Amino acid sequence: MSTRERVRERVDAPLTQRVVIAGTTFTVLDLFIAVAVSAMESQVRRDRDDDGETVRALLTEVRELRTAPADS
C-alpha cells in the first residue's frame, strides 16, 4: 500500500474516528503541558526557597555586624 493510499484512507475515515483521534491528540497535548507547567512551578519553588535561605543568612550576618564592637 502506497503512502498516498494510506493518506486517502485516513482522509476518508468516518467522522467519529477523526473526532476520536482529535480528542486523543488534545488529551496528550494537555497532559504534556500539565507536566511542563508542573516542572516549571517546582523549579520556581526551589529557587524561591534558595533565595529565602540566602536572605536569612545575609540578615543574620548584618545583625552580627551591628552587635559586634567597632574596631578602631
Protein backbone atom coordinates (compact mmCIF):
# COMPACT_ATOMS: atom_id res chain seq x y z
CA MET A 1 0.00 0.00 0.00
CA SER A 2 1.46 3.34 -1.03
CA THR A 3 1.68 6.39 1.17
CA ARG A 4 -0.90 8.13 -0.99
CA GLU A 5 -3.37 5.29 -0.44
CA ARG A 6 -2.78 5.38 3.34
CA VAL A 7 -3.37 9.12 3.41
CA ARG A 8 -6.52 8.66 1.36
CA GLU A 9 -7.76 6.06 3.88
CA ARG A 10 -7.25 8.48 6.75
CA VAL A 11 -8.96 11.33 4.94
CA ASP A 12 -11.90 9.08 4.09
CA ALA A 13 -12.15 7.78 7.67
CA PRO A 14 -15.52 8.16 9.33
CA LEU A 15 -16.16 11.36 11.26
CA THR A 16 -16.30 9.55 14.60
CA GLN A 17 -12.83 8.11 14.05
CA ARG A 18 -11.43 11.55 13.21
CA VAL A 19 -13.09 13.03 16.31
CA VAL A 20 -11.58 10.29 18.50
CA ILE A 21 -8.13 10.92 17.02
CA ALA A 22 -8.50 14.69 17.56
CA GLY A 23 -9.71 14.15 21.13
CA THR A 24 -6.83 11.81 21.90
CA THR A 25 -4.34 14.25 20.42
CA PHE A 26 -5.78 17.08 22.51
CA THR A 27 -5.63 14.95 25.68
CA VAL A 28 -1.99 14.00 25.11
CA LEU A 29 -1.08 17.63 24.41
CA ASP A 30 -2.93 18.76 27.53
CA LEU A 31 -1.08 16.21 29.67
CA PHE A 32 2.26 17.29 28.20
CA ILE A 33 1.52 20.94 29.03
CA ALA A 34 0.47 19.97 32.57
CA VAL A 35 3.75 18.12 33.15
CA ALA A 36 5.80 21.02 31.76
CA VAL A 37 3.98 23.59 33.91
CA SER A 38 4.34 21.41 37.00
CA ALA A 39 8.10 21.08 36.41
CA MET A 40 8.46 24.85 35.97
CA GLU A 41 6.48 25.52 39.16
CA SER A 42 8.70 23.10 41.09
CA GLN A 43 11.82 24.86 39.81
CA VAL A 44 10.47 28.29 40.78
CA ARG A 45 9.56 26.97 44.24
CA ARG A 46 13.09 25.59 44.73
CA ASP A 47 14.64 28.86 43.52
CA ARG A 48 12.43 30.86 45.88
CA ASP A 49 13.42 28.62 48.81
CA ASP A 50 17.11 29.07 47.93
CA ASP A 51 16.65 32.85 47.77
CA GLY A 52 14.93 32.81 51.17
CA GLU A 53 17.86 30.95 52.71
CA THR A 54 20.30 33.47 51.22
CA VAL A 55 18.31 36.42 52.58
CA ARG A 56 18.14 34.82 56.05
CA ALA A 57 21.92 34.25 56.03
CA LEU A 58 22.56 37.87 55.00
CA LEU A 59 20.23 39.21 57.70
CA THR A 60 21.98 37.09 60.31
CA GLU A 61 25.35 38.44 59.19
CA VAL A 62 24.12 42.05 59.26
CA ARG A 63 22.70 41.57 62.78
CA GLU A 64 26.02 40.13 63.94
CA LEU A 65 27.89 43.08 62.44
CA ARG A 66 25.59 45.55 64.17
CA THR A 67 26.09 43.96 67.57
CA ALA A 68 29.85 43.45 67.20
CA PRO A 69 32.03 46.07 68.85
CA ALA A 70 33.61 48.51 66.41
CA ASP A 71 37.34 48.02 65.89
CA SER A 72 39.38 51.20 65.99
